Amino acid sequence: MADFLDEKKREIDARLKELRPLVEEFRRLEAAAAALDGVSGGASRAPATPARRGRRKAAAAAPAAGARRRGRPRGSGTRSKQALELVRTRPGITIPEIAEAMGIQQNYLYRVLPSLQKDGLVRKEGRGWHPREAA
């Protein structure tokens, strides 16, 4: 039995030694792809593995070409649409009330609602938010 276990352990060790360069190459390629995504503004890649070591370092080392923000534009998500709908259905609603209705933290809404205000979709009166009438 001990011979069998020793043999299997040697096989596993040999296979690990064989695969190690491939894993290292995978990590280098993943970091390079992340860096290129940051430069070209291309679509973000989904993680191939749960542990994505080295990705933050590669992204930080990537030059800021045009300082474009990655991902979708700020305020274009469904949360801002949900908040806008709540303001339209309940004029004068406050941020804590919106957060409770949406089941999210208030601090997120302190970014979303001013963006909606800047876009001319809502206005603030006191603590409450009101929809702007369509022009």
N, C-alpha and C. Protein backbone atom coordinates (compact mmCIF):
# COMPACT_ATOMS: atom_id res chain seq x y z
N MET A 1 0.83 -1.19 0.00
CA MET A 1 0.00 0.00 0.00
C MET A 1 0.87 1.25 0.00
N ALA A 2 1.95 1.24 0.79
CA ALA A 2 2.85 2.39 0.87
C ALA A 2 3.52 2.64 -0.47
N ASP A 3 3.87 1.55 -1.20
CA ASP A 3 4.49 1.69 -2.51
C ASP A 3 3.54 2.38 -3.48
N PHE A 4 2.28 1.98 -3.45
CA PHE A 4 1.26 2.57 -4.31
C PHE A 4 1.13 4.07 -4.05
N LEU A 5 1.06 4.44 -2.76
CA LEU A 5 0.92 5.85 -2.39
C LEU A 5 2.16 6.65 -2.79
N ASP A 6 3.33 6.08 -2.60
CA ASP A 6 4.56 6.76 -3.00
C ASP A 6 4.60 6.98 -4.51
N GLU A 7 4.16 5.96 -5.25
CA GLU A 7 4.14 6.07 -6.71
C GLU A 7 3.17 7.16 -7.15
N LYS A 8 1.99 7.21 -6.57
CA LYS A 8 0.99 8.23 -6.93
C LYS A 8 1.49 9.63 -6.57
N LYS A 9 2.16 9.74 -5.43
CA LYS A 9 2.69 11.04 -5.02
C LYS A 9 3.75 11.51 -6.01
N ARG A 10 4.61 10.59 -6.46
CA ARG A 10 5.63 10.94 -7.46
C ARG A 10 4.98 11.37 -8.77
N GLU A 11 3.91 10.67 -9.18
CA GLU A 11 3.20 11.03 -10.42
C GLU A 11 2.59 12.43 -10.30
N ILE A 12 1.98 12.70 -9.16
CA ILE A 12 1.37 14.01 -8.95
C ILE A 12 2.43 15.10 -8.96
N ASP A 13 3.55 14.87 -8.26
CA ASP A 13 4.63 15.85 -8.22
C ASP A 13 5.19 16.11 -9.62
N ALA A 14 5.35 15.03 -10.41
CA ALA A 14 5.86 15.18 -11.77
C ALA A 14 4.89 16.00 -12.63
N ARG A 15 3.61 15.72 -12.48
CA ARG A 15 2.60 16.46 -13.27
C ARG A 15 2.55 17.93 -12.86
N LEU A 16 2.65 18.20 -11.55
CA LEU A 16 2.67 19.59 -11.07
C LEU A 16 3.88 20.33 -11.65
N LYS A 17 5.02 19.67 -11.66
CA LYS A 17 6.23 20.28 -12.21
C LYS A 17 6.04 20.57 -13.70
N GLU A 18 5.38 19.67 -14.39
CA GLU A 18 5.11 19.82 -15.82
C GLU A 18 4.15 20.99 -16.09
N LEU A 19 3.15 21.18 -15.25
CA LEU A 19 2.13 22.19 -15.47
C LEU A 19 2.51 23.58 -14.97
N ARG A 20 3.44 23.68 -14.04
CA ARG A 20 3.79 24.97 -13.44
C ARG A 20 4.10 26.06 -14.47
N PRO A 21 4.91 25.81 -15.50
CA PRO A 21 5.17 26.87 -16.49
C PRO A 21 3.90 27.32 -17.23
N LEU A 22 3.00 26.40 -17.46
CA LEU A 22 1.76 26.76 -18.14
C LEU A 22 0.89 27.67 -17.28
N VAL A 23 0.84 27.39 -15.99
CA VAL A 23 0.07 28.23 -15.08
C VAL A 23 0.67 29.62 -15.02
N GLU A 24 2.00 29.70 -14.95
CA GLU A 24 2.67 30.99 -14.91
C GLU A 24 2.42 31.76 -16.20
N GLU A 25 2.46 31.08 -17.33
CA GLU A 25 2.17 31.73 -18.61
C GLU A 25 0.73 32.24 -18.64
N PHE A 26 -0.19 31.44 -18.13
CA PHE A 26 -1.60 31.86 -18.07
C PHE A 26 -1.73 33.15 -17.28
N ARG A 27 -1.09 33.24 -16.15
CA ARG A 27 -1.18 34.44 -15.30
C ARG A 27 -0.58 35.65 -16.00
N ARG A 28 0.54 35.46 -16.68
CA ARG A 28 1.16 36.57 -17.43
C ARG A 28 0.23 37.05 -18.54
N LEU A 29 -0.36 36.11 -19.26
CA LEU A 29 -1.27 36.47 -20.35
C LEU A 29 -2.52 37.16 -19.83
N GLU A 30 -3.03 36.68 -18.72
CA GLU A 30 -4.22 37.30 -18.12
C GLU A 30 -3.91 38.74 -17.71
N ALA A 31 -2.76 38.98 -17.12
CA ALA A 31 -2.36 40.33 -16.72
C ALA A 31 -2.17 41.22 -17.95
N ALA A 32 -1.57 40.68 -19.00
CA ALA A 32 -1.38 41.45 -20.23
C ALA A 32 -2.72 41.81 -20.85
N ALA A 33 -3.65 40.86 -20.86
CA ALA A 33 -4.98 41.14 -21.42
C ALA A 33 -5.69 42.22 -20.61
N ALA A 34 -5.55 42.18 -19.30
CA ALA A 34 -6.18 43.20 -18.45
C ALA A 34 -5.57 44.57 -18.73
N ALA A 35 -4.26 44.61 -18.91
CA ALA A 35 -3.60 45.88 -19.20
C ALA A 35 -4.05 46.42 -20.55
N LEU A 36 -4.18 45.56 -21.52
CA LEU A 36 -4.64 46.00 -22.84
C LEU A 36 -6.09 46.44 -22.82
N ASP A 37 -6.92 45.80 -22.02
CA ASP A 37 -8.31 46.23 -21.89
C ASP A 37 -8.37 47.64 -21.34
N GLY A 38 -7.49 47.96 -20.40
CA GLY A 38 -7.47 49.30 -19.82
C GLY A 38 -7.01 50.34 -20.81
N VAL A 39 -6.13 49.97 -21.73
CA VAL A 39 -5.59 50.91 -22.71
C VAL A 39 -6.57 51.14 -23.84
N SER A 40 -7.15 50.06 -24.37
CA SER A 40 -8.01 50.18 -25.54
C SER A 40 -9.46 50.47 -25.20
N GLY A 41 -9.84 50.36 -23.92
CA GLY A 41 -11.24 50.57 -23.56
C GLY A 41 -12.11 49.43 -24.00
N GLY A 42 -11.51 48.27 -24.27
CA GLY A 42 -12.26 47.11 -24.73
C GLY A 42 -13.10 46.51 -23.63
N ALA A 43 -13.87 45.50 -23.99
CA ALA A 43 -14.74 44.82 -23.02
C ALA A 43 -13.90 44.14 -21.95
N SER A 44 -14.36 44.20 -20.74
CA SER A 44 -13.66 43.58 -19.63
C SER A 44 -13.78 42.06 -19.72
N ARG A 45 -12.71 41.39 -19.38
CA ARG A 45 -12.72 39.93 -19.43
C ARG A 45 -13.24 39.36 -18.12
N ALA A 46 -13.97 38.29 -18.21
CA ALA A 46 -14.46 37.60 -17.01
C ALA A 46 -13.32 36.80 -16.42
N PRO A 47 -13.28 36.65 -15.13
CA PRO A 47 -12.19 35.89 -14.53
C PRO A 47 -12.26 34.42 -14.93
N ALA A 48 -11.11 33.87 -15.28
CA ALA A 48 -11.06 32.46 -15.64
C ALA A 48 -10.94 31.60 -14.40
N THR A 49 -10.38 32.18 -13.36
CA THR A 49 -10.21 31.45 -12.12
C THR A 49 -10.62 32.36 -10.97
N PRO A 50 -11.00 31.79 -9.84
CA PRO A 50 -11.36 32.62 -8.70
C PRO A 50 -10.20 33.47 -8.20
N ALA A 51 -8.99 32.94 -8.21
CA ALA A 51 -7.83 33.68 -7.74
C ALA A 51 -7.13 34.30 -8.94
N ARG A 52 -7.22 35.61 -9.07
CA ARG A 52 -6.61 36.30 -10.21
C ARG A 52 -5.42 37.09 -9.72
N ARG A 53 -4.39 36.40 -9.33
CA ARG A 53 -3.21 37.05 -8.79
C ARG A 53 -2.52 37.87 -9.87
N GLY A 54 -2.02 39.02 -9.45
CA GLY A 54 -1.25 39.84 -10.38
C GLY A 54 -2.10 40.77 -11.22
N ARG A 55 -3.38 40.63 -11.23
CA ARG A 55 -4.22 41.45 -12.09
C ARG A 55 -4.20 42.92 -11.67
N ARG A 56 -4.25 43.18 -10.37
CA ARG A 56 -4.25 44.57 -9.90
C ARG A 56 -2.92 45.25 -10.24
N LYS A 57 -1.84 44.52 -10.08
CA LYS A 57 -0.55 45.11 -10.39
C LYS A 57 -0.47 45.47 -11.86
N ALA A 58 -0.94 44.59 -12.72
CA ALA A 58 -0.89 44.85 -14.16
C ALA A 58 -1.77 46.03 -14.52
N ALA A 59 -2.94 46.12 -13.93
CA ALA A 59 -3.84 47.22 -14.24
C ALA A 59 -3.26 48.54 -13.74
N ALA A 60 -2.59 48.52 -12.59
CA ALA A 60 -2.00 49.73 -12.05
C ALA A 60 -0.81 50.18 -12.89
N ALA A 61 -0.09 49.24 -13.47
CA ALA A 61 1.07 49.56 -14.27
C ALA A 61 0.70 50.03 -15.67
N ALA A 62 -0.53 49.78 -16.10
CA ALA A 62 -0.97 50.16 -17.45
C ALA A 62 -1.02 51.67 -17.56
N PRO A 63 -0.52 52.24 -18.65
CA PRO A 63 -0.58 53.69 -18.82
C PRO A 63 -2.01 54.16 -19.02
N ALA A 64 -2.30 55.33 -18.52
CA ALA A 64 -3.65 55.90 -18.63
C ALA A 64 -3.78 56.61 -19.96
N ALA A 65 -4.20 55.90 -20.99
CA ALA A 65 -4.36 56.48 -22.32
C ALA A 65 -5.68 57.24 -22.38
N GLY A 66 -5.58 58.55 -22.37
CA GLY A 66 -6.79 59.36 -22.45
C GLY A 66 -7.58 59.38 -21.15
N ALA A 67 -7.10 58.72 -20.13
CA ALA A 67 -7.76 58.66 -18.81
C ALA A 67 -9.24 58.31 -18.93
N ARG A 68 -9.57 57.39 -19.82
CA ARG A 68 -10.95 56.94 -19.97
C ARG A 68 -11.33 56.03 -18.84
N ARG A 69 -12.54 56.16 -18.39
CA ARG A 69 -13.05 55.32 -17.31
C ARG A 69 -13.51 54.01 -17.91
N ARG A 70 -13.11 52.89 -17.29
CA ARG A 70 -13.52 51.58 -17.80
C ARG A 70 -14.94 51.27 -17.38
N GLY A 71 -15.59 50.39 -18.11
CA GLY A 71 -16.93 49.96 -17.75
C GLY A 71 -18.00 50.85 -18.34
N ARG A 72 -19.20 50.65 -17.86
CA ARG A 72 -20.32 51.43 -18.38
C ARG A 72 -20.28 52.85 -17.83
N PRO A 73 -20.90 53.78 -18.52
CA PRO A 73 -20.92 55.17 -18.05
C PRO A 73 -21.63 55.29 -16.71
N ARG A 74 -21.16 56.18 -15.87
CA ARG A 74 -21.74 56.40 -14.56
C ARG A 74 -23.18 56.87 -14.73
N GLY A 75 -24.08 56.29 -13.95
CA GLY A 75 -25.48 56.70 -13.99
C GLY A 75 -26.29 56.02 -15.07
N SER A 76 -25.72 55.06 -15.77
CA SER A 76 -26.46 54.42 -16.85
C SER A 76 -27.06 53.09 -16.44
N GLY A 77 -26.91 52.72 -15.18
CA GLY A 77 -27.37 51.43 -14.71
C GLY A 77 -28.83 51.42 -14.31
N THR A 78 -29.30 50.25 -13.92
CA THR A 78 -30.70 50.11 -13.54
C THR A 78 -30.99 50.76 -12.20
N ARG A 79 -29.99 50.91 -11.33
CA ARG A 79 -30.23 51.56 -10.04
C ARG A 79 -30.67 53.00 -10.22
N SER A 80 -30.04 53.72 -11.13
CA SER A 80 -30.45 55.11 -11.35
C SER A 80 -31.85 55.16 -11.94
N LYS A 81 -32.17 54.20 -12.78
CA LYS A 81 -33.53 54.15 -13.34
C LYS A 81 -34.56 53.83 -12.26
N GLN A 82 -34.19 52.94 -11.35
CA GLN A 82 -35.10 52.61 -10.24
C GLN A 82 -35.31 53.83 -9.35
N ALA A 83 -34.23 54.54 -9.05
CA ALA A 83 -34.33 55.72 -8.19
C ALA A 83 -35.18 56.79 -8.88
N LEU A 84 -34.97 56.99 -10.17
CA LEU A 84 -35.76 57.97 -10.91
C LEU A 84 -37.23 57.61 -10.90
N GLU A 85 -37.54 56.35 -11.06
CA GLU A 85 -38.94 55.90 -11.03
C GLU A 85 -39.57 56.14 -9.66
N LEU A 86 -38.82 55.89 -8.60
CA LEU A 86 -39.34 56.16 -7.25
C LEU A 86 -39.59 57.64 -7.05
N VAL A 87 -38.70 58.50 -7.54
CA VAL A 87 -38.89 59.94 -7.42
C VAL A 87 -40.13 60.37 -8.20
N ARG A 88 -40.35 59.78 -9.35
CA ARG A 88 -41.52 60.13 -10.16
C ARG A 88 -42.82 59.68 -9.51
N THR A 89 -42.80 58.51 -8.88
CA THR A 89 -44.04 58.00 -8.28
C THR A 89 -44.29 58.57 -6.90
N ARG A 90 -43.22 59.01 -6.22
CA ARG A 90 -43.37 59.56 -4.86
C ARG A 90 -42.59 60.86 -4.73
N PRO A 91 -43.08 61.97 -5.35
CA PRO A 91 -42.36 63.25 -5.29
C PRO A 91 -42.12 63.66 -3.84
N GLY A 92 -40.92 64.19 -3.58
CA GLY A 92 -40.55 64.62 -2.25
C GLY A 92 -39.88 63.51 -1.44
N ILE A 93 -39.66 62.37 -2.04
CA ILE A 93 -39.03 61.24 -1.35
C ILE A 93 -37.59 61.59 -0.99
N THR A 94 -37.15 61.13 0.15
CA THR A 94 -35.78 61.40 0.60
C THR A 94 -34.87 60.23 0.25
N ILE A 95 -33.57 60.49 0.34
CA ILE A 95 -32.60 59.43 0.03
C ILE A 95 -32.75 58.24 0.96
N PRO A 96 -32.92 58.43 2.28
CA PRO A 96 -33.12 57.24 3.12
C PRO A 96 -34.35 56.42 2.73
N GLU A 97 -35.42 57.10 2.31
CA GLU A 97 -36.63 56.39 1.88
C GLU A 97 -36.39 55.64 0.57
N ILE A 98 -35.66 56.25 -0.34
CA ILE A 98 -35.34 55.58 -1.62
C ILE A 98 -34.48 54.35 -1.34
N ALA A 99 -33.48 54.51 -0.48
CA ALA A 99 -32.58 53.40 -0.16
C ALA A 99 -33.36 52.24 0.46
N GLU A 100 -34.28 52.57 1.36
CA GLU A 100 -35.08 51.51 2.00
C GLU A 100 -35.97 50.81 0.97
N ALA A 101 -36.58 51.58 0.09
CA ALA A 101 -37.46 51.00 -0.93
C ALA A 101 -36.68 50.11 -1.91
N MET A 102 -35.44 50.50 -2.20
CA MET A 102 -34.62 49.74 -3.15
C MET A 102 -33.82 48.63 -2.46
N GLY A 103 -33.72 48.69 -1.14
CA GLY A 103 -32.96 47.67 -0.42
C GLY A 103 -31.46 47.81 -0.59
N ILE A 104 -30.98 49.07 -0.70
CA ILE A 104 -29.55 49.30 -0.87
C ILE A 104 -29.08 50.31 0.17
N GLN A 105 -27.78 50.54 0.23
CA GLN A 105 -27.20 51.51 1.15
C GLN A 105 -27.44 52.93 0.64
N GLN A 106 -27.61 53.87 1.56
CA GLN A 106 -27.86 55.26 1.21
C GLN A 106 -26.69 55.90 0.47
N ASN A 107 -25.46 55.56 0.87
CA ASN A 107 -24.30 56.24 0.30
C ASN A 107 -24.24 56.12 -1.22
N TYR A 108 -24.75 55.05 -1.78
CA TYR A 108 -24.78 54.88 -3.24
C TYR A 108 -25.65 55.96 -3.87
N LEU A 109 -26.77 56.26 -3.23
CA LEU A 109 -27.72 57.22 -3.78
C LEU A 109 -27.20 58.65 -3.73
N TYR A 110 -26.26 58.94 -2.84
CA TYR A 110 -25.67 60.28 -2.80
C TYR A 110 -24.78 60.55 -4.00
N ARG A 111 -24.48 59.53 -4.79
CA ARG A 111 -23.81 59.70 -6.09
C ARG A 111 -24.83 59.71 -7.21
N VAL A 112 -25.84 58.84 -7.11
CA VAL A 112 -26.80 58.66 -8.20
C VAL A 112 -27.70 59.87 -8.38
N LEU A 113 -28.31 60.35 -7.31
CA LEU A 113 -29.28 61.44 -7.44
C LEU A 113 -28.66 62.75 -7.92
N PRO A 114 -27.49 63.17 -7.44
CA PRO A 114 -26.89 64.36 -8.03
C PRO A 114 -26.59 64.21 -9.53
N SER A 115 -26.26 62.99 -9.96
CA SER A 115 -26.06 62.76 -11.39
C SER A 115 -27.37 62.94 -12.16
N LEU A 116 -28.47 62.43 -11.58
CA LEU A 116 -29.78 62.62 -12.21
C LEU A 116 -30.16 64.10 -12.22
N GLN A 117 -29.78 64.81 -11.16
CA GLN A 117 -30.06 66.24 -11.09
C GLN A 117 -29.26 66.98 -12.16
N LYS A 118 -28.00 66.62 -12.31
CA LYS A 118 -27.13 67.23 -13.33
C LYS A 118 -27.68 66.99 -14.73
N ASP A 119 -28.28 65.83 -14.94
CA ASP A 119 -28.88 65.50 -16.23
C ASP A 119 -30.24 66.16 -16.43
N GLY A 120 -30.72 66.87 -15.40
CA GLY A 120 -31.99 67.58 -15.52
C GLY A 120 -33.21 66.69 -15.35
N LEU A 121 -33.06 65.54 -14.73
CA LEU A 121 -34.19 64.63 -14.56
C LEU A 121 -34.91 64.80 -13.23
N VAL A 122 -34.19 65.28 -12.21
CA VAL A 122 -34.78 65.49 -10.89
C VAL A 122 -34.30 66.83 -10.33
N ARG A 123 -34.99 67.32 -9.32
CA ARG A 123 -34.55 68.52 -8.61
C ARG A 123 -34.72 68.26 -7.12
N LYS A 124 -33.92 68.96 -6.33
CA LYS A 124 -33.96 68.77 -4.89
C LYS A 124 -34.62 69.98 -4.24
N GLU A 125 -35.54 69.71 -3.33
CA GLU A 125 -36.18 70.76 -2.53
C GLU A 125 -36.07 70.33 -1.08
N GLY A 126 -35.26 71.06 -0.30
CA GLY A 126 -35.02 70.65 1.08
C GLY A 126 -34.31 69.30 1.08
N ARG A 127 -34.89 68.33 1.76
CA ARG A 127 -34.32 66.97 1.78
C ARG A 127 -34.95 66.08 0.73
N GLY A 128 -36.05 66.53 0.15
CA GLY A 128 -36.79 65.69 -0.79
C GLY A 128 -36.38 65.89 -2.25
N TRP A 129 -36.62 64.86 -3.01
CA TRP A 129 -36.30 64.89 -4.45
C TRP A 129 -37.60 64.86 -5.23
N HIS A 130 -37.65 65.67 -6.32
CA HIS A 130 -38.85 65.80 -7.14
C HIS A 130 -38.47 65.60 -8.60
N PRO A 131 -39.40 65.06 -9.40
CA PRO A 131 -39.09 64.91 -10.83
C PRO A 131 -39.15 66.27 -11.53
N ARG A 132 -38.35 66.44 -12.55
CA ARG A 132 -38.43 67.63 -13.38
C ARG A 132 -39.43 67.36 -14.47
N GLU A 133 -40.19 68.36 -14.82
CA GLU A 133 -41.17 68.21 -15.88
C GLU A 133 -40.44 68.15 -17.22
N ALA A 134 -40.94 67.33 -18.12
CA ALA A 134 -40.32 67.18 -19.43
C ALA A 134 -40.51 68.48 -20.22
N ALA A 135 -39.46 68.89 -20.92
CA ALA A 135 -39.53 70.14 -21.68
C ALA A 135 -40.13 69.93 -23.04
